[in-house]
PDB file of N, CA and C in Angstrom:
ATOM      1  N   MET A   1     120.364 113.790  99.799  1.00  0.00           N
ATOM      2  CA  MET A   1     120.325 114.118 101.213  1.00  0.00           C
ATOM      3  C   MET A   1     121.562 113.535 101.901  1.00  0.00           C
ATOM      4  N   LYS A   2     122.099 114.317 102.808  1.00  0.00           N
ATOM      5  CA  LYS A   2     123.316 113.920 103.496  1.00  0.00           C
ATOM      6  C   LYS A   2     123.026 112.828 104.527  1.00  0.00           C
ATOM      7  N   LYS A   3     123.871 111.799 104.585  1.00  0.00           N
ATOM      8  CA  LYS A   3     123.684 110.711 105.530  1.00  0.00           C
ATOM      9  C   LYS A   3     124.272 111.108 106.887  1.00  0.00           C
ATOM     10  N   LEU A   4     123.509 110.845 107.952  1.00  0.00           N
ATOM     11  CA  LEU A   4     123.963 111.191 109.293  1.00  0.00           C
ATOM     12  C   LEU A   4     124.985 110.187 109.802  1.00  0.00           C
ATOM     13  N   GLN A   5     125.912 110.669 110.604  1.00  0.00           N
ATOM     14  CA  GLN A   5     126.872 109.783 111.241  1.00  0.00           C
ATOM     15  C   GLN A   5     126.222 109.143 112.462  1.00  0.00           C
ATOM     16  N   ALA A   6     126.863 108.110 112.973  1.00  0.00           N
ATOM     17  CA  ALA A   6     126.302 107.371 114.106  1.00  0.00           C
ATOM     18  C   ALA A   6     126.151 108.251 115.339  1.00  0.00           C
ATOM     19  N   ASN A   7     127.094 109.149 115.566  1.00  0.00           N
ATOM     20  CA  ASN A   7     127.015 110.024 116.741  1.00  0.00           C
ATOM     21  C   ASN A   7     125.811 110.953 116.671  1.00  0.00           C
ATOM     22  N   HIS A   8     125.415 111.333 115.481  1.00  0.00           N
ATOM     23  CA  HIS A   8     124.270 112.220 115.332  1.00  0.00           C
ATOM     24  C   HIS A   8     122.972 111.530 115.745  1.00  0.00           C
ATOM     25  N   TYR A   9     122.855 110.231 115.469  1.00  0.00           N
ATOM     26  CA  TYR A   9     121.660 109.497 115.879  1.00  0.00           C
ATOM     27  C   TYR A   9     121.562 109.441 117.404  1.00  0.00           C
ATOM     28  N   ILE A  10     122.691 109.274 118.065  1.00  0.00           N
ATOM     29  CA  ILE A  10     122.698 109.230 119.529  1.00  0.00           C
ATOM     30  C   ILE A  10     122.271 110.578 120.096  1.00  0.00           C
ATOM     31  N   ILE A  11     122.781 111.651 119.525  1.00  0.00           N
ATOM     32  CA  ILE A  11     122.424 112.995 119.998  1.00  0.00           C
ATOM     33  C   ILE A  11     120.947 113.278 119.762  1.00  0.00           C
ATOM     34  N   LEU A  12     120.436 112.932 118.593  1.00  0.00           N
ATOM     35  CA  LEU A  12     119.016 113.155 118.301  1.00  0.00           C
ATOM     36  C   LEU A  12     118.121 112.348 119.228  1.00  0.00           C
ATOM     37  N   LEU A  13     118.506 111.104 119.503  1.00  0.00           N
ATOM     38  CA  LEU A  13     117.717 110.275 120.410  1.00  0.00           C
ATOM     39  C   LEU A  13     117.742 110.839 121.830  1.00  0.00           C
ATOM     40  N   ALA A  14     118.892 111.314 122.277  1.00  0.00           N
ATOM     41  CA  ALA A  14     118.997 111.887 123.621  1.00  0.00           C
ATOM     42  C   ALA A  14     118.143 113.148 123.754  1.00  0.00           C
ATOM     43  N   ILE A  15     118.142 113.986 122.738  1.00  0.00           N
ATOM     44  CA  ILE A  15     117.306 115.198 122.760  1.00  0.00           C
ATOM     45  C   ILE A  15     115.826 114.829 122.769  1.00  0.00           C
ATOM     46  N   GLY A  16     115.465 113.845 121.961  1.00  0.00           N
ATOM     47  CA  GLY A  16     114.072 113.393 121.929  1.00  0.00           C
ATOM     48  C   GLY A  16     113.616 112.829 123.266  1.00  0.00           C
ATOM     49  N   VAL A  17     114.472 112.051 123.900  1.00  0.00           N
ATOM     50  CA  VAL A  17     114.135 111.483 125.210  1.00  0.00           C
ATOM     51  C   VAL A  17     113.980 112.594 126.248  1.00  0.00           C
ATOM     52  N   ALA A  18     114.858 113.586 126.204  1.00  0.00           N
ATOM     53  CA  ALA A  18     114.769 114.685 127.163  1.00  0.00           C
ATOM     54  C   ALA A  18     113.469 115.467 126.986  1.00  0.00           C
ATOM     55  N   ILE A  19     113.108 115.761 125.765  1.00  0.00           N
ATOM     56  CA  ILE A  19     111.867 116.500 125.495  1.00  0.00           C
ATOM     57  C   ILE A  19     110.656 115.686 125.922  1.00  0.00           C
ATOM     58  N   LEU A  20     110.653 114.406 125.596  1.00  0.00           N
ATOM     59  CA  LEU A  20     109.531 113.544 125.957  1.00  0.00           C
ATOM     60  C   LEU A  20     109.408 113.400 127.473  1.00  0.00           C
ATOM     61  N   THR A  21     110.529 113.287 128.162  1.00  0.00           N
ATOM     62  CA  THR A  21     110.497 113.167 129.617  1.00  0.00           C
ATOM     63  C   THR A  21     109.910 114.415 130.266  1.00  0.00           C
ATOM     64  N   VAL A  22     110.305 115.574 129.793  1.00  0.00           N
ATOM     65  CA  VAL A  22     109.763 116.825 130.343  1.00  0.00           C
ATOM     66  C   VAL A  22     108.273 116.935 130.051  1.00  0.00           C
ATOM     67  N   ALA A  23     107.868 116.567 128.847  1.00  0.00           N
ATOM     68  CA  ALA A  23     106.452 116.646 128.487  1.00  0.00           C
ATOM     69  C   ALA A  23     105.615 115.701 129.346  1.00  0.00           C
ATOM     70  N   VAL A  24     106.112 114.501 129.562  1.00  0.00           N
ATOM     71  CA  VAL A  24     105.373 113.539 130.397  1.00  0.00           C
ATOM     72  C   VAL A  24     105.336 114.002 131.849  1.00  0.00           C
ATOM     73  N   ALA A  25     106.429 114.564 132.333  1.00  0.00           N
ATOM     74  CA  ALA A  25     106.457 115.048 133.717  1.00  0.00           C
ATOM     75  C   ALA A  25     105.462 116.176 133.941  1.00  0.00           C
ATOM     76  N   LEU A  26     105.313 117.034 132.945  1.00  0.00           N
ATOM     77  CA  LEU A  26     104.392 118.154 133.087  1.00  0.00           C
ATOM     78  C   LEU A  26     102.931 117.738 132.942  1.00  0.00           C
ATOM     79  N   THR A  27     102.668 116.670 132.199  1.00  0.00           N
ATOM     80  CA  THR A  27     101.280 116.294 131.942  1.00  0.00           C
ATOM     81  C   THR A  27     100.797 115.136 132.817  1.00  0.00           C
ATOM     82  N   ILE A  28     101.558 114.060 132.889  1.00  0.00           N
ATOM     83  CA  ILE A  28     101.057 112.858 133.571  1.00  0.00           C
ATOM     84  C   ILE A  28     101.548 112.774 135.012  1.00  0.00           C
ATOM     85  N   GLY A  29     102.856 112.864 135.199  1.00  0.00           N
ATOM     86  CA  GLY A  29     103.351 112.796 136.571  1.00  0.00           C
ATOM     87  C   GLY A  29     104.801 112.367 136.639  1.00  0.00           C
ATOM     88  N   LYS A  30     105.339 112.449 137.851  1.00  0.00           N
ATOM     89  CA  LYS A  30     106.761 112.191 138.072  1.00  0.00           C
ATOM     90  C   LYS A  30     107.116 110.716 137.909  1.00  0.00           C
ATOM     91  N   ASP A  31     106.264 109.829 138.400  1.00  0.00           N
ATOM     92  CA  ASP A  31     106.577 108.397 138.333  1.00  0.00           C
ATOM     93  C   ASP A  31     106.652 107.897 136.893  1.00  0.00           C
ATOM     94  N   VAL A  32     105.739 108.337 136.079  1.00  0.00           N
ATOM     95  CA  VAL A  32     105.727 107.917 134.681  1.00  0.00           C
ATOM     96  C   VAL A  32     106.904 108.524 133.929  1.00  0.00           C
ATOM     97  N   SER A  33     107.267 109.758 134.270  1.00  0.00           N
ATOM     98  CA  SER A  33     108.390 110.394 133.581  1.00  0.00           C
ATOM     99  C   SER A  33     109.707 109.699 133.912  1.00  0.00           C
ATOM    100  N   ILE A  34     109.851 109.190 135.135  1.00  0.00           N
ATOM    101  CA  ILE A  34     111.057 108.425 135.491  1.00  0.00           C
ATOM    102  C   ILE A  34     111.109 107.144 134.665  1.00  0.00           C
ATOM    103  N   SER A  35     109.973 106.518 134.465  1.00  0.00           N
ATOM    104  CA  SER A  35     109.915 105.309 133.639  1.00  0.00           C
ATOM    105  C   SER A  35     110.287 105.611 132.190  1.00  0.00           C
ATOM    106  N   VAL A  36     109.793 106.719 131.658  1.00  0.00           N
ATOM    107  CA  VAL A  36     110.126 107.126 130.292  1.00  0.00           C
ATOM    108  C   VAL A  36     111.615 107.415 130.171  1.00  0.00           C
ATOM    109  N   LEU A  37     112.180 108.078 131.183  1.00  0.00           N
ATOM    110  CA  LEU A  37     113.607 108.388 131.177  1.00  0.00           C
ATOM    111  C   LEU A  37     114.453 107.116 131.203  1.00  0.00           C
ATOM    112  N   CYS A  38     114.079 106.164 132.050  1.00  0.00           N
ATOM    113  CA  CYS A  38     114.830 104.895 132.120  1.00  0.00           C
ATOM    114  C   CYS A  38     114.751 104.129 130.799  1.00  0.00           C
ATOM    115  N   THR A  39     113.597 104.122 130.185  1.00  0.00           N
ATOM    116  CA  THR A  39     113.445 103.459 128.893  1.00  0.00           C
ATOM    117  C   THR A  39     114.288 104.140 127.828  1.00  0.00           C
ATOM    118  N   GLY A  40     114.292 105.460 127.827  1.00  0.00           N
ATOM    119  CA  GLY A  40     115.094 106.209 126.860  1.00  0.00           C
ATOM    120  C   GLY A  40     116.581 105.979 127.042  1.00  0.00           C
ATOM    121  N   ILE A  41     117.030 105.932 128.293  1.00  0.00           N
ATOM    122  CA  ILE A  41     118.447 105.667 128.555  1.00  0.00           C
ATOM    123  C   ILE A  41     118.812 104.261 128.082  1.00  0.00           C
ATOM    124  N   GLY A  42     117.921 103.312 128.281  1.00  0.00           N
ATOM    125  CA  GLY A  42     118.158 101.953 127.788  1.00  0.00           C
ATOM    126  C   GLY A  42     118.278 101.907 126.275  1.00  0.00           C
ATOM    127  N   CYS A  43     117.448 102.665 125.593  1.00  0.00           N
ATOM    128  CA  CYS A  43     117.518 102.727 124.123  1.00  0.00           C
ATOM    129  C   CYS A  43     118.828 103.352 123.657  1.00  0.00           C
ATOM    130  N   ILE A  44     119.257 104.393 124.334  1.00  0.00           N
ATOM    131  CA  ILE A  44     120.515 105.058 123.970  1.00  0.00           C
ATOM    132  C   ILE A  44     121.692 104.110 124.181  1.00  0.00           C
ATOM    133  N   ILE A  45     121.697 103.395 125.304  1.00  0.00           N
ATOM    134  CA  ILE A  45     122.772 102.434 125.563  1.00  0.00           C
ATOM    135  C   ILE A  45     122.760 101.321 124.517  1.00  0.00           C
ATOM    136  N   GLY A  46     121.585 100.839 124.160  1.00  0.00           N
ATOM    137  CA  GLY A  46     121.478  99.814 123.120  1.00  0.00           C
ATOM    138  C   GLY A  46     121.994 100.302 121.777  1.00  0.00           C
ATOM    139  N   LEU A  47     121.697 101.551 121.438  1.00  0.00           N
ATOM    140  CA  LEU A  47     122.181 102.123 120.184  1.00  0.00           C
ATOM    141  C   LEU A  47     123.698 102.244 120.191  1.00  0.00           C
ATOM    142  N   ILE A  48     124.265 102.661 121.316  1.00  0.00           N
ATOM    143  CA  ILE A  48     125.723 102.785 121.420  1.00  0.00           C
ATOM    144  C   ILE A  48     126.388 101.418 121.267  1.00  0.00           C
ATOM    145  N   ILE A  49     125.831 100.396 121.914  1.00  0.00           N
ATOM    146  CA  ILE A  49     126.394  99.044 121.799  1.00  0.00           C
ATOM    147  C   ILE A  49     126.278  98.538 120.363  1.00  0.00           C
ATOM    148  N   GLY A  50     125.133  98.770 119.738  1.00  0.00           N
ATOM    149  CA  GLY A  50     124.950  98.343 118.353  1.00  0.00           C
ATOM    150  C   GLY A  50     125.921  99.013 117.401  1.00  0.00           C
ATOM    151  N   ILE A  51     126.166 100.289 117.600  1.00  0.00           N
ATOM    152  CA  ILE A  51     127.119 101.013 116.752  1.00  0.00           C
ATOM    153  C   ILE A  51     128.529 100.480 116.956  1.00  0.00           C
ATOM    154  N   ALA A  52     128.885 100.182 118.213  1.00  0.00           N
ATOM    155  CA  ALA A  52     130.222  99.648 118.496  1.00  0.00           C
ATOM    156  C   ALA A  52     130.411  98.280 117.858  1.00  0.00           C
ATOM    157  N   ILE A  53     129.392  97.442 117.913  1.00  0.00           N
ATOM    158  CA  ILE A  53     129.490  96.112 117.298  1.00  0.00           C
ATOM    159  C   ILE A  53     129.601  96.232 115.788  1.00  0.00           C
ATOM    160  N   LYS A  54     128.821  97.147 115.198  1.00  0.00           N
ATOM    161  CA  LYS A  54     128.875  97.321 113.740  1.00  0.00           C
ATOM    162  C   LYS A  54     130.247  97.813 113.300  1.00  0.00           C
ATOM    163  N   LYS A  55     130.822  98.748 114.044  1.00  0.00           N
ATOM    164  CA  LYS A  55     132.166  99.244 113.699  1.00  0.00           C
ATOM    165  C   LYS A  55     133.183  98.123 113.790  1.00  0.00           C
ATOM    166  N   LYS A  56     133.062  97.289 114.809  1.00  0.00           N
ATOM    167  CA  LYS A  56     134.026  96.208 115.017  1.00  0.00           C
ATOM    168  C   LYS A  56     133.926  95.181 113.881  1.00  0.00           C
ATOM    169  N   THR A  57     132.712  94.851 113.441  1.00  0.00           N
ATOM    170  CA  THR A  57     132.569  93.869 112.370  1.00  0.00           C
ATOM    171  C   THR A  57     132.959  94.460 111.022  1.00  0.00           C
ATOM    172  N   ASP A  58     132.745  95.774 110.841  1.00  0.00           N
ATOM    173  CA  ASP A  58     133.144  96.402 109.583  1.00  0.00           C
ATOM    174  C   ASP A  58     134.665  96.482 109.455  1.00  0.00           C
ATOM    175  N   GLU A  59     135.365  96.625 110.573  1.00  0.00           N
ATOM    176  CA  GLU A  59     136.820  96.679 110.533  1.00  0.00           C
ATOM    177  C   GLU A  59     137.429  95.339 110.144  1.00  0.00           C
ATOM    178  N   GLY A  60     136.747  94.258 110.488  1.00  0.00           N
ATOM    179  CA  GLY A  60     137.258  92.922 110.203  1.00  0.00           C
ATOM    180  C   GLY A  60     137.117  92.519 108.747  1.00  0.00           C
ATOM    181  N   LYS A  61     136.324  93.243 107.982  1.00  0.00           N
ATOM    182  CA  LYS A  61     136.101  92.876 106.578  1.00  0.00           C
ATOM    183  C   LYS A  61     137.235  93.323 105.693  1.00  0.00           C
TER     184      LYS A  61
END
């Protein structure tokens, strides 16, 4: 199986967050969907920072 690049994980996570946010907005409500969106954006930012740190430490080896 082909290994995904780091950018692909970010794209997949962003698509998942968008789908989940729409589903929550349609079923539970607007306030909860905003919370889900903020949490998803935080996860995406954390993933981007983690990938940047990993690239930086791999270059030093």
